[in-house]
Structure formats: C-alpha cells, structure tokens
Amino acid sequence: MQSPDDWEATYRQKRGEDYKGYVVNATETCNPENELQLIVKVQTEPNNTDDAAMLDEALPDLKERTGVEQMNTDGGYNSPDVDQTMRELGVEQVQSAIRGRKPSEEKLGLEDFGWELDADGKPQTVTCPNGQQAEVTAGRKEHRYRAAFDAADCKSCSFCDSCPTLPLKCTPERVLRFSQQDVVEVALRRQRTADARASGQNLRAAVEATVRSIKHPFGNGKVPIRGQPRVSIVMLGSAAMSNLRRIHRYLIGQEEAKRAKKSDENEARRGQQVPGGSPFPSFLVPLRNSLRLISRLMRPFQPIPAHGA
C-alpha cells in the first residue's frame, strides 16, 4: 500500500526480500595512490530506480568536478545509455561482475580476442587467440561488422573447434560477425573485469563500508523524516559527517607522524653529540660522563686562597 504522506517512496523486491522507501547511491574516490579517500556524490531516489540510471545521471557532474577516468562498479551499473555516456566522456568502467548470461567455458568468446578501436570506439582490427590478425570491415546492416581470417592458418589452430568464426563456402576464409555492442559493451567489459580479478585488487569493495557509515546513524535503515527532498538532505548531511571524520583521522595521523619523526630526529641528534674523534659509541657516552665525575670527586682537596683588601 502506498503511503498517503510519502508519495515518492516506492516498493520493490530484491533477492526475495521486500523493501520500501528510497535507495541511496554513494560515489567515493578509490585511487590507491590517494592518502585520503572522500565521498564525492550522494544520490537519493525512489528504491525502484535502476542503478545504471543513477550512474548515467551522475557521470557528467562527476567528470566535470573530479576529472574521473575510471569507474569501479558492481554488476548492476551497466546499460547501453551508460556505455554511450562513458564513451562520450572518456571514462572507463570496471565492473566486479556483469549482468546477463555467463559465457560458456567450452567456447571462445569475443572477450578472448584482442581489439583495436578508433577514437569513436569503433573496432578497426581484431586478433584471435592464436595470434592471427584481421581487418574489421562494415557488415550489411548498420552497426554490424565482420572480420575474415585465413582458413589455412585456422586449420592448424588448437582453438579451431571452439572458435566462434564460421567457414565460407566460396572463399578460403573463416568469418567472425559481430555488432558494436558485442565488442564495446560486452567483450571489452568482460576483459576489464577479468584483468581486475587477475590483479587481486577489488577497488569497489571499500564502498560497502562507506554505505554503512552513511546509514549507521539511523537504526534499522530508517530515517525520521518523509519525502525525497528531506531524505536526500539527511543523506547528504550524513555523508558530509563521514567525510569530516575521515579528514579528522587523516589530520590526526599526519600530526602523529610529524611528532614521531621529530622525536626520532631528536634521539638521533642526542646520539651524535659526541666530541669529534671520540672512540666512544653513543650508548657509552653516559658511562663516560659518570666516570669523569667520579674522577673529579676523588682529586685531593685544593683550598681556595682568600684575598683581603
């Protein structure tokens, strides 16, 4: 039942569970070279809004403010609109998973081929897993392409039985037919995902803790207000406080590092305060000073002459 005092709240099912209200999407920096990662965008939408739609809306603003070149997302953030916006803005998307049917392990896919694209993202050449390269030409229909490989070289290829190319009857060629979407929106995405997994880094995983930090002040994931504008303001405030805590921890850490460095420098300076040419290591200096004091105390008493007027 729709709440009569919150018309923007929606209902959805996800993994067999019921949800109602709003969905919050957070974007944060994740460059491993950054000493400090910050939340750079928070979006609040009705909870039946698709993740890809929120990403497509956020990309132009993120590109303008942060100059982002790579976005690390999960499998729910891809769509034709997102792919088009990514190409136009020069942003590369790396997904931890991909929606859709899992490719067969027994057959080669387009992601197993090497692709060269032009500045507009159109395929120019393709290299098969066996190393044979072919030029990409336009197909009969719009956004369709073909690449012809030498059938003689394909006969001795160990991948021939699992290859997606098809032999021609009239010419000694094996042809690979595909669309723009097959290559740019699917094959290259799968390649980037495979490379990210092989690297052992999952830059997207940290955002789960970020989402929790935004939701943590509100018990059971519920905010004490209604209406999308108010919920959006509360979420922005919570994200801002999360950023402030991060900045505070970073500054405290910097101060502690400075104090530790200064303390180490002072210790080193004390250890170096030994007369030039002295054979004593720094840790024997206190012992040497004590022996000198004892030597002075054991000298015979010398009376001090008095001078009268």
Protein backbone atom coordinates (compact mmCIF):
# COMPACT_ATOMS: atom_id res chain seq x y z
CA MET A 1 0.00 0.00 0.00
CA GLN A 2 1.32 3.44 -0.96
CA SER A 3 1.85 5.75 1.99
CA PRO A 4 -0.51 8.75 1.64
CA ASP A 5 2.05 11.12 3.16
CA ASP A 6 5.08 9.95 1.15
CA TRP A 7 4.11 9.55 -2.50
CA GLU A 8 7.74 9.33 -3.71
CA ALA A 9 8.56 6.24 -1.62
CA THR A 10 8.33 3.01 -3.64
CA TYR A 11 8.23 -0.74 -3.14
CA ARG A 12 10.48 -3.41 -4.64
CA GLN A 13 11.69 -6.98 -4.14
CA LYS A 14 15.37 -7.87 -4.18
CA ARG A 15 16.73 -11.37 -3.64
CA GLY A 16 13.35 -12.46 -2.29
CA GLU A 17 13.12 -9.68 0.29
CA ASP A 18 10.66 -6.78 0.37
CA TYR A 19 11.90 -3.19 0.51
CA LYS A 20 10.07 0.12 0.60
CA GLY A 21 11.24 3.71 0.67
CA TYR A 22 14.30 5.13 -1.09
CA VAL A 23 17.66 3.99 -2.41
CA VAL A 24 20.90 5.89 -1.78
CA ASN A 25 23.82 5.67 -4.19
CA ALA A 26 27.24 6.85 -2.97
CA THR A 27 30.34 7.55 -5.07
CA GLU A 28 33.77 7.89 -3.50
CA THR A 29 37.35 8.16 -4.69
CA CYS A 30 39.36 4.92 -4.71
CA ASN A 31 42.74 5.70 -6.27
CA PRO A 32 45.29 3.55 -4.35
CA GLU A 33 47.75 6.47 -4.53
CA ASN A 34 45.42 8.78 -2.58
CA GLU A 35 46.29 9.28 1.07
CA LEU A 36 42.67 10.20 1.74
CA GLN A 37 39.51 8.89 0.06
CA LEU A 38 36.36 11.04 0.15
CA ILE A 39 32.71 10.68 -0.80
CA VAL A 40 32.16 12.88 -3.85
CA LYS A 41 28.49 12.30 -4.67
CA VAL A 42 25.33 11.05 -2.94
CA GLN A 43 22.08 10.36 -4.82
CA THR A 44 18.71 9.60 -3.26
CA GLU A 45 15.98 8.15 -5.49
CA PRO A 46 12.84 6.01 -5.12
CA ASN A 47 14.02 2.48 -4.42
CA ASN A 48 12.78 1.08 -7.74
CA THR A 49 15.30 3.26 -9.63
CA ASP A 50 17.83 1.24 -11.62
CA ASP A 51 21.49 1.54 -10.55
CA ALA A 52 22.57 2.17 -14.14
CA ALA A 53 20.15 5.10 -14.44
CA MET A 54 21.70 6.77 -11.38
CA LEU A 55 25.21 6.24 -12.74
CA ASP A 56 24.24 7.67 -16.12
CA GLU A 57 22.82 10.75 -14.39
CA ALA A 58 25.85 11.22 -12.14
CA LEU A 59 28.62 10.79 -14.74
CA PRO A 60 28.62 14.29 -16.34
CA ASP A 61 28.79 16.02 -12.95
CA LEU A 62 31.49 13.65 -11.67
CA LYS A 63 33.57 14.16 -14.80
CA GLU A 64 33.32 17.94 -14.51
CA ARG A 65 34.16 18.11 -10.79
CA THR A 66 36.69 15.30 -10.39
CA GLY A 67 38.04 14.56 -13.88
CA VAL A 68 37.31 10.86 -13.29
CA GLU A 69 38.87 8.48 -15.82
CA GLN A 70 37.79 5.12 -14.39
CA MET A 71 34.67 3.98 -12.55
CA ASN A 72 34.69 0.77 -10.50
CA THR A 73 31.16 -0.59 -10.05
CA ASP A 74 29.31 -3.82 -9.42
CA GLY A 75 27.32 -5.76 -12.00
CA GLY A 76 24.18 -3.64 -11.79
CA TYR A 77 25.61 -0.46 -13.28
CA ASN A 78 25.82 -1.25 -16.99
CA SER A 79 23.35 -0.31 -19.71
CA PRO A 80 23.50 0.98 -23.30
CA ASP A 81 22.97 4.53 -22.03
CA VAL A 82 25.82 4.20 -19.54
CA ASP A 83 28.12 2.80 -22.23
CA GLN A 84 27.31 5.72 -24.53
CA THR A 85 27.91 8.29 -21.78
CA MET A 86 31.17 6.59 -20.81
CA ARG A 87 32.42 6.79 -24.39
CA GLU A 88 31.44 10.44 -24.76
CA LEU A 89 33.15 11.45 -21.51
CA GLY A 90 36.22 9.25 -21.93
CA VAL A 91 35.58 7.22 -18.78
CA GLU A 92 36.43 3.52 -18.47
CA GLN A 93 34.12 1.26 -16.46
CA VAL A 94 35.48 -1.71 -14.50
CA GLN A 95 32.82 -3.99 -13.05
CA SER A 96 33.27 -6.59 -10.32
CA ALA A 97 30.59 -8.69 -12.06
CA ILE A 98 28.41 -8.46 -15.16
CA ARG A 99 24.69 -8.88 -15.53
CA GLY A 100 23.44 -11.43 -18.01
CA ARG A 101 24.19 -14.96 -19.06
CA LYS A 102 27.56 -16.38 -18.11
CA PRO A 103 29.69 -17.21 -21.18
CA SER A 104 30.39 -20.85 -21.96
CA GLU A 105 33.73 -22.16 -20.76
CA GLU A 106 33.89 -24.62 -23.67
CA LYS A 107 33.62 -21.97 -26.39
CA LEU A 108 35.74 -18.93 -27.13
CA GLY A 109 34.00 -15.59 -26.74
CA LEU A 110 34.69 -12.19 -28.22
CA GLU A 111 36.40 -11.28 -24.95
CA ASP A 112 39.11 -13.83 -25.83
CA PHE A 113 40.08 -11.78 -28.91
CA GLY A 114 42.25 -8.67 -28.97
CA TRP A 115 40.57 -5.50 -30.23
CA GLU A 116 41.85 -2.19 -31.57
CA LEU A 117 39.34 0.67 -31.62
CA ASP A 118 39.44 4.11 -33.19
CA ALA A 119 38.75 7.37 -31.36
CA ASP A 120 34.99 6.87 -31.80
CA GLY A 121 35.08 3.42 -30.22
CA LYS A 122 34.60 1.55 -33.50
CA PRO A 123 36.60 -1.69 -34.00
CA GLN A 124 39.43 -1.48 -36.55
CA THR A 125 41.35 -4.74 -36.21
CA VAL A 126 40.90 -7.95 -34.28
CA THR A 127 43.48 -10.54 -33.21
CA CYS A 128 42.43 -14.11 -32.50
CA PRO A 129 43.77 -16.12 -29.51
CA ASN A 130 46.17 -17.88 -31.91
CA GLY A 131 47.72 -14.55 -32.96
CA GLN A 132 46.17 -14.13 -36.44
CA GLN A 133 45.11 -10.55 -37.10
CA ALA A 134 42.30 -9.44 -39.40
CA GLU A 135 40.89 -6.11 -40.52
CA VAL A 136 37.39 -5.24 -39.41
CA THR A 137 35.01 -4.19 -42.19
CA ALA A 138 31.42 -2.96 -42.15
CA GLY A 139 28.65 -5.52 -42.39
CA ARG A 140 25.45 -5.37 -44.40
CA LYS A 141 23.46 -3.78 -41.58
CA GLU A 142 24.18 -0.68 -39.53
CA HIS A 143 26.46 -1.23 -36.53
CA ARG A 144 27.31 -4.72 -37.81
CA TYR A 145 30.89 -5.77 -38.63
CA ARG A 146 32.85 -8.72 -39.98
CA ALA A 147 36.45 -9.89 -39.88
CA ALA A 148 37.82 -12.57 -42.21
CA PHE A 149 40.63 -14.90 -41.13
CA ASP A 150 42.75 -17.13 -43.37
CA ALA A 151 41.17 -20.60 -43.28
CA ALA A 152 44.52 -22.28 -43.98
CA ASP A 153 46.01 -20.86 -40.78
CA CYS A 154 42.87 -21.74 -38.85
CA LYS A 155 43.14 -25.45 -39.73
CA SER A 156 46.24 -25.89 -37.58
CA CYS A 157 44.87 -23.80 -34.72
CA SER A 158 44.21 -25.63 -31.45
CA PHE A 159 41.20 -23.36 -30.82
CA CYS A 160 39.51 -24.16 -34.15
CA ASP A 161 36.76 -26.38 -32.69
CA SER A 162 35.77 -23.80 -30.06
CA CYS A 163 36.19 -20.72 -32.26
CA PRO A 164 33.14 -18.52 -32.97
CA THR A 165 34.27 -17.91 -36.58
CA LEU A 166 32.36 -19.64 -39.37
CA PRO A 167 33.85 -21.03 -42.64
CA LEU A 168 32.73 -19.67 -46.00
CA LYS A 169 31.87 -21.97 -48.89
CA CYS A 170 33.15 -19.85 -51.78
CA THR A 171 36.34 -18.40 -50.31
CA PRO A 172 39.04 -19.93 -48.07
CA GLU A 173 38.11 -17.75 -45.09
CA ARG A 174 36.59 -18.04 -41.66
CA VAL A 175 34.44 -15.04 -40.80
CA LEU A 176 33.69 -13.50 -37.43
CA ARG A 177 30.47 -11.47 -37.38
CA PHE A 178 29.59 -9.15 -34.51
CA SER A 179 27.96 -5.85 -33.61
CA GLN A 180 29.24 -2.69 -32.00
CA GLN A 181 27.53 -3.67 -28.76
CA ASP A 182 29.06 -7.17 -28.83
CA VAL A 183 32.56 -5.71 -28.78
CA VAL A 184 32.45 -2.40 -26.93
CA GLU A 185 29.64 -3.08 -24.47
CA VAL A 186 30.30 -6.78 -23.77
CA ALA A 187 33.69 -8.13 -24.85
CA LEU A 188 35.82 -5.25 -23.62
CA ARG A 189 33.84 -5.07 -20.39
CA ARG A 190 34.50 -8.75 -19.73
CA GLN A 191 38.19 -8.21 -20.46
CA ARG A 192 38.42 -5.37 -17.95
CA THR A 193 36.60 -7.43 -15.34
CA ALA A 194 38.94 -10.39 -15.89
CA ASP A 195 42.01 -8.12 -15.66
CA ALA A 196 40.73 -6.58 -12.42
CA ARG A 197 40.21 -10.02 -10.88
CA ALA A 198 43.64 -11.20 -12.00
CA SER A 199 45.27 -8.16 -10.37
CA GLY A 200 43.93 -9.20 -6.96
CA GLN A 201 42.53 -5.71 -6.34
CA ASN A 202 38.85 -5.01 -5.80
CA LEU A 203 38.69 -1.23 -5.58
CA ARG A 204 34.92 -1.23 -5.44
CA ALA A 205 34.65 -3.34 -2.27
CA ALA A 206 35.52 -0.44 0.08
CA VAL A 207 32.34 1.44 -0.85
CA GLU A 208 30.29 -1.11 1.10
CA ALA A 209 31.80 0.23 4.32
CA THR A 210 31.10 3.76 3.09
CA VAL A 211 27.41 2.98 2.59
CA ARG A 212 27.29 1.51 6.09
CA SER A 213 28.88 4.66 7.55
CA ILE A 214 26.15 6.75 5.92
CA LYS A 215 23.33 4.50 7.14
CA HIS A 216 24.81 3.79 10.59
CA PRO A 217 23.31 6.82 12.42
CA PHE A 218 19.81 5.62 11.51
CA GLY A 219 18.63 2.48 13.26
CA ASN A 220 17.32 -0.35 11.08
CA GLY A 221 17.92 1.70 7.95
CA LYS A 222 15.06 4.11 8.72
CA VAL A 223 15.25 7.90 8.73
CA PRO A 224 13.00 10.02 11.00
CA ILE A 225 11.56 12.06 8.13
CA ARG A 226 9.49 11.54 4.98
CA GLY A 227 9.68 12.80 1.42
CA GLN A 228 12.51 12.51 -1.09
CA PRO A 229 13.86 16.08 -0.67
CA ARG A 230 14.15 15.68 3.11
CA VAL A 231 15.63 12.19 2.88
CA SER A 232 18.14 13.47 0.33
CA ILE A 233 19.23 16.30 2.63
CA VAL A 234 19.66 13.93 5.57
CA MET A 235 21.76 11.54 3.46
CA LEU A 236 23.95 14.39 2.24
CA GLY A 237 24.48 15.52 5.84
CA SER A 238 25.41 12.01 6.93
CA ALA A 239 27.88 11.69 4.04
CA ALA A 240 29.38 15.08 4.92
CA MET A 241 29.92 13.94 8.52
CA SER A 242 31.57 10.77 7.24
CA ASN A 243 33.94 12.91 5.16
CA LEU A 244 34.69 15.12 8.19
CA ARG A 245 35.56 12.06 10.28
CA ARG A 246 37.90 10.85 7.54
CA ILE A 247 39.57 14.25 7.26
CA HIS A 248 39.92 14.44 11.06
CA ARG A 249 41.55 10.98 11.22
CA TYR A 250 43.86 11.93 8.36
CA LEU A 251 44.98 15.20 10.02
CA ILE A 252 45.49 13.49 13.38
CA GLY A 253 47.55 10.83 11.66
CA GLN A 254 49.65 13.49 9.94
CA GLU A 255 50.31 15.25 13.26
CA GLU A 256 51.27 11.99 14.96
CA ALA A 257 53.62 11.16 12.10
CA LYS A 258 55.26 14.60 12.41
CA ARG A 259 55.71 14.19 16.17
CA ALA A 260 57.17 10.72 15.73
CA LYS A 261 59.57 11.99 13.06
CA LYS A 262 60.65 14.91 15.26
CA SER A 263 61.19 12.58 18.21
CA ASP A 264 63.36 10.30 16.09
CA GLU A 265 65.39 13.26 14.87
CA ASN A 266 65.95 14.45 18.47
CA GLU A 267 67.08 10.99 19.53
CA ALA A 268 69.48 10.84 16.61
CA ARG A 269 70.79 14.31 17.43
CA ARG A 270 71.47 13.33 21.07
CA GLY A 271 73.33 10.26 19.91
CA GLN A 272 75.52 12.37 17.64
CA GLN A 273 76.57 14.82 20.41
CA VAL A 274 79.94 13.11 20.90
CA PRO A 275 83.23 15.09 20.60
CA GLY A 276 84.89 14.69 17.22
CA GLY A 277 87.31 11.78 17.09
CA SER A 278 85.89 10.19 20.25
CA PRO A 279 86.16 6.39 20.18
CA PHE A 280 83.06 6.01 22.37
CA PRO A 281 79.83 4.86 20.71
CA SER A 282 76.74 6.88 21.57
CA PHE A 283 75.42 4.35 24.10
CA LEU A 284 78.69 4.62 26.14
CA VAL A 285 78.55 8.40 26.45
CA PRO A 286 76.56 8.40 29.78
CA LEU A 287 79.04 5.90 31.28
CA ARG A 288 81.97 8.02 30.19
CA ASN A 289 80.47 11.16 31.77
CA SER A 290 79.83 9.31 35.06
CA LEU A 291 83.46 8.10 35.23
CA ARG A 292 84.70 11.66 34.64
CA LEU A 293 82.56 12.96 37.52
CA ILE A 294 83.85 10.25 39.89
CA SER A 295 87.43 11.11 38.87
CA ARG A 296 86.92 14.76 39.77
CA LEU A 297 85.45 13.92 43.20
CA MET A 298 88.45 11.73 44.07
CA ARG A 299 91.02 14.50 43.43
CA PRO A 300 92.85 15.98 46.59
CA PHE A 301 91.10 18.98 48.14
CA GLN A 302 92.63 22.25 46.96
CA PRO A 303 92.00 25.23 49.32
CA ILE A 304 90.97 28.45 47.64
CA PRO A 305 93.19 31.43 48.69
CA ALA A 306 91.41 34.39 50.20
CA HIS A 307 92.14 37.88 49.05
CA GLY A 308 91.80 40.74 51.51
CA ALA A 309 91.59 44.43 50.89
